[in-house]
Every structure is written in C-alpha cells, then in structure tokens.
Amino acid sequence: MNVLDIVLILVAIGYAVAGFRQGFVTGVLGMAGLIGGGIAGAALAPAILNQFVPSVTVSLAALGVVLVGALLGQALGAAVGNALRSHLTWAPVHAVDATAGAALSVVAMLVVAWILGSAVANAQLGNVSRTVRSSQVLATVNSIMPRFGEQALQAFSRVVDPGLFPRYLEPFATERIAPAQPPTSGVLADPDIERAGRSVVRVTGVSLQCSRSLEGSGVVYARDRVMTNAHVVAGVSDPQVQGRDGRTYDAEVVRYDPDEDVAILAVPDLPLEPVPLQQGAEPGDEGAVLGYPGNGPFTAGAARVRAEQRLRGPDIYGDRQVVREVFSLYATVRPGNSGGPLVSPEGTVTGLVFAASVEDGQTGYALTADEVLDEARAGIGASEPVSTGGCA
C-alpha cells in the first residue's frame, strides 16, 4: 500500500459519510452524474486538446477536464436527487436510503479514480505514474471493472501521455525489469550492423480519423516488403517509406495484425536489400536498435537482450487481452523507434521494437523473430491492400 492508496481510502471514507447523509436517491443520481461527467470528460478531452502540442501541461489539462466534468455531473445529479428525497418521510426507508447512499458514493468515487488512474499509469509522468501503477486500491478496482468504454479511455490516454507507444501492459500490472549488463557501444561498429542499417526506413502517414500524422520505423525483410508495427500505420490509408538517402516511396499495407502489433507494407521497386530474419536470440546477446526516434535522423543504439518473456497485455486498441513473445531490452527506445529492427552482430533481424518501458528509461521491448515470422511469411505473397482499422 502506498501514499495514493491511503489518500484514496481517506477520500472513500469522506464520500461514504457524505453519501450516508445524502442518501440513496440523491446518491444514485449523484453517482450517475459523477461517472457520466467523468466519462464525458474523458471523451471530450481529446477533442479539446488534440490541437495542442503534447506536453505535461496538456496532460494535466486533460486530467482537469475529467475532474471538472465529474464534479459538474455529480452536482447536477445530487440537486435532482435532493429534490426527490424530500418526499421520503418514513424512518425505515430513510435508514436504508442512507446506507445504500454511502455505498454508492464510494463506488462512484472509485470509478472516477480508476478512469484517471488508467490513463496516468501508462503515461511517462515520472513518480506520479509510478505511484499510480503500484496502487493496490486501483489494481483491485481494475480487476473487477467491466471492459466498457475502452476506446474512449484509449483516446483519453493518448492525450494524457504524449508518447506514441500503445499500452503493452495492463495499467496496474507489475512490470518485471530483468537485470542485465549494459550493452557495449563497440557493437555499433560492426560492418554487418551498418549494412543492415541501410535497409531501415522511416514510415509515415496521416490518420484522418485521429487528425494527426504518424511516424515510425520499418525494415526491409524481403524484396519490396517492409515490416513495421501495426500501431505505426493504424488508420492510415496512404503510408510512405523513406530511405536513408531521403528518397520517398508510396506503400500499401498488405498485412495488418493489431493483436501482434505487426504490419507488412508492399513497396514496389524499392531498391533496398532485404535483411533476413533470424530466430533464437537469447538473454545476454548484444545487438542494435535501429530506427528514426522522434521522427529525426537515422539512429543506431546499442542493445542487449535482458530476457525473453510471454507478455500479457492489451492489443493496440485496448479491446482485448493478447499474449506476445517478446524480448525485454537494455536499450534506449523512444517514440519513432516503433517498427524498427533489433539487429544482431551478424546483421540479421532478431526482433521488432514495439514499446518502451514506462518504469525504466533503459528498457524497451521487441517482438521476437518467432512472434512475427508467420506474418512476415504471409506478407511476402500478399498483394492486396487491407484495412488499417481505426486510430490506436
């Protein structure tokens, strides 16, 4: 139990007392207003704030929109409830009304706390996010909440967290950071890694549904085929790839898997050599993370495999739970690295970067070559464009 848990318990006690005094009728309408206002705020925040450059200020403003919506909704519901409660005159009914009102008030408060906590838990807001993730109270609420409104919460989470990685864990799940020695920078001088880097491309596109541009990285793994993350091209109809020489090529998405977070792009007449996939990387192995972090210039970063694990978390839309075979990496991974390869000293692709840890700045995650192999093979023969779904 941490400081946040203590605060939540004290607030819950306060809400229970207030709910006992105001009763069930007032409480149920106040609860409906509190939850409804909070959900409305979570849905409204992206529409209001997506036009601004992501920042901590925008993140705090998004949380403020939810709080204001929740409090306004509660005030409105309570006002209506008080008017109705004045007509209850029988004492036993008042006792039941008061007890039920206390319970309802606590439930409403915890639901709004869960909405806020779900967004903050996977945001990179330092100690604030760390404290929220370790909350036992919110973890308990999360375990019993029905999976409603996930897409609205996902959109709200994108405003709170200016990063462009999808959630890779449940909001209040414990993240295991396996110990490992730092990678050596000398691995970046390997000529095979440098050769593989020539086939790493920038992937860009515009998602009209989200009213924003998306960018990431990708790797040429077969003739005229680029592999990247599904969340890099989610909602994008006309993606493009750009080589290190600055030349841009039109692409089509021919495979799209939001569960694995893998997409395959067909790029006709792409004059770049394929980099083969290689299975079997092991903890302790060194390599390099290649890509275009921050949509900036090509960057190679030293990496070491911390551990191979089966990571349970949401798909890129937060619709359902999936299990992925991943490597946790001792590496610096930033938005823009998504879809870029983990390359071995032999110049082969051993993984596909898809997330960065919100717990540790020197930990990233890559799908293993085993995990992406089926999609990679299917993508070689695929030629028809497929839907890229909605915003992720």
Protein backbone atom coordinates (compact mmCIF):
# COMPACT_ATOMS: atom_id res chain seq x y z
CA MET A 1 0.00 0.00 0.00
CA ASN A 2 1.39 3.41 -0.97
CA VAL A 3 0.56 7.05 -0.26
CA LEU A 4 -2.04 7.13 -3.06
CA ASP A 5 -3.85 4.16 -1.52
CA ILE A 6 -4.03 5.94 1.84
CA VAL A 7 -5.38 9.08 0.15
CA LEU A 8 -7.97 7.04 -1.77
CA ILE A 9 -9.11 5.28 1.40
CA LEU A 10 -9.49 8.60 3.24
CA VAL A 11 -11.40 10.11 0.31
CA ALA A 12 -13.59 6.99 0.18
CA ILE A 13 -14.41 7.41 3.87
CA GLY A 14 -15.32 11.04 3.22
CA TYR A 15 -17.57 10.04 0.34
CA ALA A 16 -19.17 7.32 2.48
CA VAL A 17 -20.04 9.88 5.18
CA ALA A 18 -21.38 12.32 2.61
CA GLY A 19 -23.31 9.53 0.89
CA PHE A 20 -24.85 8.41 4.19
CA ARG A 21 -26.07 11.94 4.82
CA GLN A 22 -27.47 12.50 1.36
CA GLY A 23 -28.98 9.03 0.98
CA PHE A 24 -29.52 6.56 -1.85
CA VAL A 25 -31.84 8.59 -4.05
CA THR A 26 -29.56 11.60 -4.02
CA GLY A 27 -26.52 9.31 -4.12
CA VAL A 28 -27.57 7.25 -7.12
CA LEU A 29 -28.27 10.35 -9.16
CA GLY A 30 -25.08 11.97 -7.90
CA MET A 31 -23.17 8.79 -8.75
CA ALA A 32 -24.67 8.71 -12.22
CA GLY A 33 -23.70 12.33 -12.66
CA LEU A 34 -20.17 11.77 -11.31
CA ILE A 35 -19.48 8.75 -13.52
CA GLY A 36 -21.29 10.20 -16.52
CA GLY A 37 -19.47 13.50 -16.16
CA GLY A 38 -16.13 11.73 -15.80
CA ILE A 39 -16.69 9.58 -18.88
CA ALA A 40 -17.92 12.60 -20.83
CA GLY A 41 -14.79 14.48 -19.79
CA ALA A 42 -12.58 11.57 -20.91
CA ALA A 43 -14.33 11.55 -24.29
CA LEU A 44 -14.27 15.34 -24.61
CA ALA A 45 -10.62 15.90 -23.63
CA PRO A 46 -9.13 14.58 -26.91
CA ALA A 47 -11.45 16.79 -28.99
CA ILE A 48 -10.43 19.85 -26.98
CA LEU A 49 -6.71 19.20 -26.55
CA ASN A 50 -5.53 17.24 -29.61
CA GLN A 51 -4.91 20.55 -31.40
CA PHE A 52 -2.18 21.48 -28.91
CA VAL A 53 1.43 20.28 -28.92
CA PRO A 54 1.74 17.38 -26.44
CA SER A 55 3.26 18.46 -23.11
CA VAL A 56 2.92 17.94 -19.38
CA THR A 57 0.62 20.98 -19.31
CA VAL A 58 -1.70 19.37 -21.85
CA SER A 59 -1.62 16.12 -19.85
CA LEU A 60 -2.63 17.95 -16.67
CA ALA A 61 -5.32 19.86 -18.58
CA ALA A 62 -6.78 16.55 -19.77
CA LEU A 63 -6.99 15.29 -16.20
CA GLY A 64 -8.61 18.60 -15.24
CA VAL A 65 -11.30 18.21 -17.91
CA VAL A 66 -12.27 14.83 -16.45
CA LEU A 67 -12.35 16.16 -12.89
CA VAL A 68 -14.45 19.19 -13.83
CA GLY A 69 -16.85 17.01 -15.83
CA ALA A 70 -17.19 14.57 -12.94
CA LEU A 71 -17.82 17.28 -10.34
CA LEU A 72 -20.34 19.13 -12.50
CA GLY A 73 -22.18 15.89 -13.22
CA GLN A 74 -22.24 15.00 -9.54
CA ALA A 75 -23.58 18.43 -8.55
CA LEU A 76 -26.35 18.24 -11.13
CA GLY A 77 -27.35 14.70 -10.17
CA ALA A 78 -27.30 15.49 -6.45
CA ALA A 79 -29.52 18.54 -6.95
CA VAL A 80 -32.15 16.44 -8.68
CA GLY A 81 -31.80 13.73 -6.01
CA ASN A 82 -32.27 16.17 -3.14
CA ALA A 83 -35.49 17.39 -4.67
CA LEU A 84 -36.81 13.82 -4.89
CA ARG A 85 -35.54 12.77 -1.43
CA SER A 86 -37.55 15.48 0.28
CA HIS A 87 -40.64 13.39 -0.46
CA LEU A 88 -39.36 10.39 1.61
CA THR A 89 -40.80 10.65 5.13
CA TRP A 90 -40.90 7.09 6.61
CA ALA A 91 -37.94 6.48 9.05
CA PRO A 92 -37.04 2.86 7.99
CA VAL A 93 -36.87 3.98 4.38
CA HIS A 94 -34.54 6.80 5.43
CA ALA A 95 -32.17 4.29 7.13
CA VAL A 96 -31.95 2.04 4.08
CA ASP A 97 -31.66 5.10 1.87
CA ALA A 98 -28.72 6.44 3.91
CA THR A 99 -26.78 3.13 4.00
CA ALA A 100 -27.19 2.50 0.29
CA GLY A 101 -26.20 6.10 -0.39
CA ALA A 102 -22.88 5.60 1.42
CA ALA A 103 -22.02 2.54 -0.69
CA LEU A 104 -22.96 4.22 -3.94
CA SER A 105 -20.85 7.29 -3.22
CA VAL A 106 -17.76 5.17 -2.60
CA VAL A 107 -18.32 3.19 -5.82
CA ALA A 108 -18.70 6.38 -7.86
CA MET A 109 -15.52 7.88 -6.43
CA LEU A 110 -13.51 4.73 -7.16
CA VAL A 111 -14.76 4.54 -10.76
CA VAL A 112 -13.63 8.10 -11.49
CA ALA A 113 -10.29 7.41 -9.76
CA TRP A 114 -9.92 4.32 -12.00
CA ILE A 115 -10.60 6.37 -15.15
CA LEU A 116 -7.89 8.85 -14.20
CA GLY A 117 -5.51 6.16 -12.98
CA SER A 118 -5.85 4.05 -16.14
CA ALA A 119 -4.58 6.96 -18.21
CA VAL A 120 -1.83 8.09 -15.84
CA ALA A 121 -0.49 4.58 -15.11
CA ASN A 122 0.97 4.08 -18.58
CA ALA A 123 1.99 7.70 -19.13
CA GLN A 124 5.59 8.77 -18.72
CA LEU A 125 4.93 11.20 -15.86
CA GLY A 126 7.75 10.08 -13.58
CA ASN A 127 6.94 9.37 -9.95
CA VAL A 128 3.26 10.22 -10.47
CA SER A 129 2.79 7.35 -12.93
CA ARG A 130 4.94 5.04 -10.81
CA THR A 131 2.81 5.69 -7.73
CA VAL A 132 -0.43 5.12 -9.65
CA ARG A 133 0.83 1.84 -11.14
CA SER A 134 1.68 0.48 -7.70
CA SER A 135 -1.69 1.37 -6.16
CA GLN A 136 -3.33 -1.72 -4.66
CA VAL A 137 -6.70 0.03 -4.45
CA LEU A 138 -6.77 0.91 -8.16
CA ALA A 139 -5.45 -2.54 -9.12
CA THR A 140 -8.36 -4.11 -7.25
CA VAL A 141 -10.88 -1.82 -8.93
CA ASN A 142 -9.33 -2.58 -12.33
CA SER A 143 -9.68 -6.33 -11.75
CA ILE A 144 -13.46 -6.09 -11.29
CA MET A 145 -14.33 -3.33 -13.76
CA PRO A 146 -16.16 -4.44 -16.92
CA ARG A 147 -14.42 -3.71 -20.22
CA PHE A 148 -16.60 -0.79 -21.22
CA GLY A 149 -15.57 2.42 -22.89
CA GLU A 150 -12.07 1.12 -23.70
CA GLN A 151 -11.77 3.11 -26.91
CA ALA A 152 -12.81 6.34 -25.17
CA LEU A 153 -10.30 5.65 -22.41
CA GLN A 154 -7.65 4.85 -25.03
CA ALA A 155 -8.22 8.21 -26.74
CA PHE A 156 -8.07 9.97 -23.37
CA SER A 157 -4.85 8.12 -22.51
CA ARG A 158 -3.25 9.40 -25.72
CA VAL A 159 -3.89 12.99 -24.58
CA VAL A 160 -2.53 12.37 -21.07
CA ASP A 161 0.53 10.57 -22.45
CA PRO A 162 2.22 12.45 -25.32
CA GLY A 163 4.16 9.29 -26.29
CA LEU A 164 3.16 7.26 -29.32
CA PHE A 165 3.52 3.75 -27.90
CA PRO A 166 0.41 1.65 -27.26
CA ARG A 167 -0.15 0.13 -23.85
CA TYR A 168 1.89 -3.05 -23.55
CA LEU A 169 0.70 -3.99 -20.04
CA GLU A 170 -2.50 -3.65 -18.09
CA PRO A 171 -2.45 -0.26 -16.29
CA PHE A 172 -1.77 -1.66 -12.82
CA ALA A 173 0.22 -4.77 -13.71
CA THR A 174 3.69 -5.19 -12.22
CA GLU A 175 6.46 -4.74 -14.77
CA ARG A 176 9.42 -7.07 -14.34
CA ILE A 177 12.74 -5.45 -15.31
CA ALA A 178 15.27 -8.26 -15.70
CA PRO A 179 18.81 -7.30 -14.63
CA ALA A 180 21.46 -7.20 -17.35
CA GLN A 181 24.85 -5.73 -18.09
CA PRO A 182 24.80 -2.55 -20.20
CA PRO A 183 25.45 -3.15 -23.90
CA THR A 184 28.85 -2.16 -25.27
CA SER A 185 28.93 0.68 -27.77
CA GLY A 186 31.53 -1.19 -29.82
CA VAL A 187 28.80 -3.38 -31.29
CA LEU A 188 27.66 -0.40 -33.39
CA ALA A 189 30.94 -0.50 -35.33
CA ASP A 190 30.15 -3.96 -36.67
CA PRO A 191 30.03 -3.75 -40.50
CA ASP A 192 27.09 -6.19 -40.66
CA ILE A 193 25.00 -3.93 -38.44
CA GLU A 194 25.96 -0.93 -40.56
CA ARG A 195 24.95 -2.87 -43.69
CA ALA A 196 21.58 -3.79 -42.17
CA GLY A 197 21.01 -0.16 -41.24
CA ARG A 198 20.91 0.81 -44.91
CA SER A 199 17.65 -1.16 -45.20
CA VAL A 200 15.91 0.54 -42.26
CA VAL A 201 13.30 3.05 -43.42
CA ARG A 202 11.18 5.81 -41.97
CA VAL A 203 7.43 5.05 -42.15
CA THR A 204 5.00 7.99 -42.22
CA GLY A 205 1.32 8.60 -42.84
CA VAL A 206 -1.71 10.64 -41.86
CA SER A 207 -4.62 9.20 -39.91
CA LEU A 208 -7.64 11.27 -40.88
CA GLN A 209 -9.71 9.67 -38.10
CA CYS A 210 -7.23 10.91 -35.49
CA SER A 211 -6.43 14.18 -37.30
CA ARG A 212 -2.73 13.59 -36.77
CA SER A 213 0.34 12.35 -38.56
CA LEU A 214 2.01 9.10 -37.56
CA GLU A 215 5.61 8.13 -37.93
CA GLY A 216 7.81 5.22 -37.05
CA SER A 217 10.44 2.93 -38.46
CA GLY A 218 10.47 -0.23 -40.55
CA VAL A 219 12.86 -2.74 -42.03
CA VAL A 220 13.07 -4.28 -45.49
CA TYR A 221 12.95 -8.02 -44.78
CA ALA A 222 12.05 -9.33 -48.27
CA ARG A 223 12.08 -7.94 -51.79
CA ASP A 224 9.70 -4.93 -51.90
CA ARG A 225 8.38 -5.73 -48.41
CA VAL A 226 8.75 -3.63 -45.25
CA MET A 227 7.81 -4.83 -41.76
CA THR A 228 6.71 -2.33 -39.11
CA ASN A 229 4.28 -2.09 -36.19
CA ALA A 230 0.53 -2.03 -36.75
CA HIS A 231 0.21 1.00 -34.46
CA VAL A 232 2.56 2.95 -36.75
CA VAL A 233 0.04 2.75 -39.62
CA ALA A 234 -3.23 2.44 -37.66
CA GLY A 235 -5.94 4.37 -39.50
CA VAL A 236 -3.52 5.36 -42.28
CA SER A 237 -4.69 4.84 -45.87
CA ASP A 238 -1.63 6.05 -47.82
CA PRO A 239 1.60 5.30 -45.96
CA GLN A 240 5.01 6.20 -47.32
CA VAL A 241 8.50 4.94 -46.61
CA GLN A 242 11.70 6.94 -46.85
CA GLY A 243 15.19 5.53 -47.18
CA ARG A 244 18.31 6.97 -45.59
CA ASP A 245 19.07 8.76 -48.84
CA GLY A 246 15.90 10.83 -48.43
CA ARG A 247 14.00 9.24 -51.32
CA THR A 248 10.32 8.60 -50.57
CA TYR A 249 8.21 5.70 -51.88
CA ASP A 250 4.46 5.08 -51.79
CA ALA A 251 3.43 1.94 -49.93
CA GLU A 252 0.36 -0.21 -49.35
CA VAL A 253 -0.47 -2.14 -46.20
CA VAL A 254 -0.99 -5.78 -47.23
CA ARG A 255 -0.98 -7.38 -43.75
CA TYR A 256 -2.28 -5.79 -40.55
CA ASP A 257 -2.42 -7.56 -37.19
CA PRO A 258 -3.45 -5.38 -34.22
CA ASP A 259 -3.01 -8.32 -31.83
CA GLU A 260 0.66 -8.91 -32.61
CA ASP A 261 1.20 -5.23 -33.50
CA VAL A 262 2.69 -6.12 -36.88
CA ALA A 263 2.03 -4.66 -40.33
CA ILE A 264 3.58 -5.55 -43.69
CA LEU A 265 3.90 -2.89 -46.38
CA ALA A 266 4.27 -3.57 -50.09
CA VAL A 267 6.62 -1.05 -51.71
CA PRO A 268 7.05 -1.69 -55.46
CA ASP A 269 10.55 -1.29 -56.87
CA LEU A 270 12.13 -0.50 -53.52
CA PRO A 271 15.89 -0.50 -54.21
CA LEU A 272 16.98 -1.74 -50.79
CA GLU A 273 18.45 -5.11 -49.89
CA PRO A 274 16.38 -7.34 -47.58
CA VAL A 275 17.68 -8.09 -44.10
CA PRO A 276 16.86 -11.71 -43.16
CA LEU A 277 15.00 -12.71 -40.01
CA GLN A 278 16.86 -14.90 -37.54
CA GLN A 279 15.28 -16.80 -34.67
CA GLY A 280 16.98 -17.83 -31.49
CA ALA A 281 18.37 -14.71 -29.81
CA GLU A 282 18.99 -15.31 -26.12
CA PRO A 283 19.29 -13.26 -22.92
CA GLY A 284 22.69 -11.60 -22.80
CA ASP A 285 23.02 -11.32 -26.59
CA GLU A 286 24.09 -7.93 -27.88
CA GLY A 287 22.77 -6.09 -30.90
CA ALA A 288 21.49 -2.73 -32.04
CA VAL A 289 18.14 -0.95 -32.14
CA LEU A 290 17.88 0.85 -35.49
CA GLY A 291 15.34 3.48 -36.45
CA TYR A 292 14.23 7.09 -36.51
CA PRO A 293 13.41 8.12 -32.90
CA GLY A 294 11.42 11.33 -32.61
CA ASN A 295 10.99 11.30 -36.40
CA GLY A 296 14.57 12.54 -36.51
CA PRO A 297 17.62 11.24 -38.34
CA PHE A 298 18.57 7.58 -38.53
CA THR A 299 19.95 6.42 -35.19
CA ALA A 300 21.66 3.23 -34.09
CA GLY A 301 21.62 2.39 -30.39
CA ALA A 302 23.44 -0.41 -28.62
CA ALA A 303 21.16 -3.03 -27.06
CA ARG A 304 21.34 -6.19 -25.00
CA VAL A 305 18.59 -8.77 -24.52
CA ARG A 306 17.53 -8.70 -20.86
CA ALA A 307 15.06 -11.57 -21.04
CA GLU A 308 12.63 -13.41 -23.30
CA GLN A 309 9.11 -13.47 -21.90
CA ARG A 310 5.46 -14.00 -22.68
CA LEU A 311 3.98 -10.56 -22.15
CA ARG A 312 0.25 -10.38 -21.47
CA GLY A 313 -1.38 -7.06 -22.32
CA PRO A 314 -3.97 -5.30 -24.48
CA ASP A 315 -3.99 -5.26 -28.27
CA ILE A 316 -3.17 -1.90 -29.87
CA TYR A 317 -6.79 -0.74 -29.48
CA GLY A 318 -7.20 -1.91 -25.89
CA ASP A 319 -10.11 -4.10 -26.99
CA ARG A 320 -8.89 -7.45 -25.66
CA GLN A 321 -6.04 -9.24 -23.94
CA VAL A 322 -3.30 -10.87 -26.01
CA VAL A 323 -0.07 -12.69 -25.23
CA ARG A 324 3.10 -11.82 -27.16
CA GLU A 325 6.54 -13.43 -27.23
CA VAL A 326 8.89 -10.51 -26.60
CA PHE A 327 12.43 -9.58 -25.68
CA SER A 328 12.94 -7.03 -22.96
CA LEU A 329 15.98 -4.99 -23.96
CA TYR A 330 18.62 -2.97 -22.19
CA ALA A 331 18.35 -0.13 -24.69
CA THR A 332 17.08 3.40 -25.16
CA VAL A 333 13.79 3.22 -27.06
CA ARG A 334 11.78 6.32 -27.93
CA PRO A 335 8.65 7.08 -29.98
CA GLY A 336 9.72 6.77 -33.59
CA ASN A 337 11.72 3.60 -32.90
CA SER A 338 8.44 1.66 -33.21
CA GLY A 339 8.66 -0.86 -36.03
CA GLY A 340 12.43 -0.65 -36.25
CA PRO A 341 14.52 -3.82 -36.01
CA LEU A 342 16.64 -5.32 -33.30
CA VAL A 343 19.67 -6.38 -35.33
CA SER A 344 22.27 -8.96 -34.31
CA PRO A 345 26.04 -8.54 -34.83
CA GLU A 346 25.59 -10.89 -37.81
CA GLY A 347 23.33 -8.30 -39.46
CA THR A 348 20.06 -10.23 -39.07
CA VAL A 349 16.71 -9.13 -37.64
CA THR A 350 16.11 -10.88 -34.32
CA GLY A 351 13.22 -8.69 -33.13
CA LEU A 352 10.87 -5.82 -33.94
CA VAL A 353 10.77 -2.90 -31.48
CA PHE A 354 7.24 -2.00 -30.35
CA ALA A 355 7.30 -0.38 -26.89
CA ALA A 356 9.36 1.39 -24.26
CA SER A 357 9.11 0.78 -20.55
CA VAL A 358 7.26 3.43 -18.54
CA GLU A 359 9.07 2.15 -15.44
CA ASP A 360 12.68 2.25 -16.61
CA GLY A 361 14.23 4.58 -19.19
CA GLN A 362 16.81 1.96 -20.19
CA THR A 363 14.32 -0.76 -21.05
CA GLY A 364 12.46 -1.33 -24.29
CA TYR A 365 10.52 -4.21 -25.81
CA ALA A 366 10.80 -6.03 -29.13
CA LEU A 367 8.62 -8.76 -30.60
CA THR A 368 10.76 -11.83 -31.16
CA ALA A 369 11.51 -13.10 -34.66
CA ASP A 370 9.46 -16.19 -33.75
CA GLU A 371 6.46 -13.97 -32.94
CA VAL A 372 6.49 -12.07 -36.25
CA LEU A 373 7.55 -14.94 -38.51
CA ASP A 374 4.07 -16.04 -39.64
CA GLU A 375 3.04 -12.50 -40.59
CA ALA A 376 6.36 -11.96 -42.34
CA ARG A 377 5.90 -15.08 -44.46
CA ALA A 378 2.27 -14.24 -45.25
CA GLY A 379 3.28 -10.72 -46.24
CA ILE A 380 5.65 -11.91 -48.96
CA GLY A 381 2.80 -13.36 -51.01
CA ALA A 382 0.19 -10.74 -50.10
CA SER A 383 -0.51 -8.09 -52.72
CA GLU A 384 -3.99 -6.70 -52.00
CA PRO A 385 -4.33 -3.69 -49.67
CA VAL A 386 -6.07 -4.33 -46.35
CA SER A 387 -7.84 -2.09 -43.85
CA THR A 388 -5.72 -0.47 -41.16
CA GLY A 389 -8.64 -0.08 -38.78
CA GLY A 390 -9.04 2.98 -36.60
CA CYS A 391 -6.70 5.10 -34.52
CA ALA A 392 -4.62 3.22 -31.99
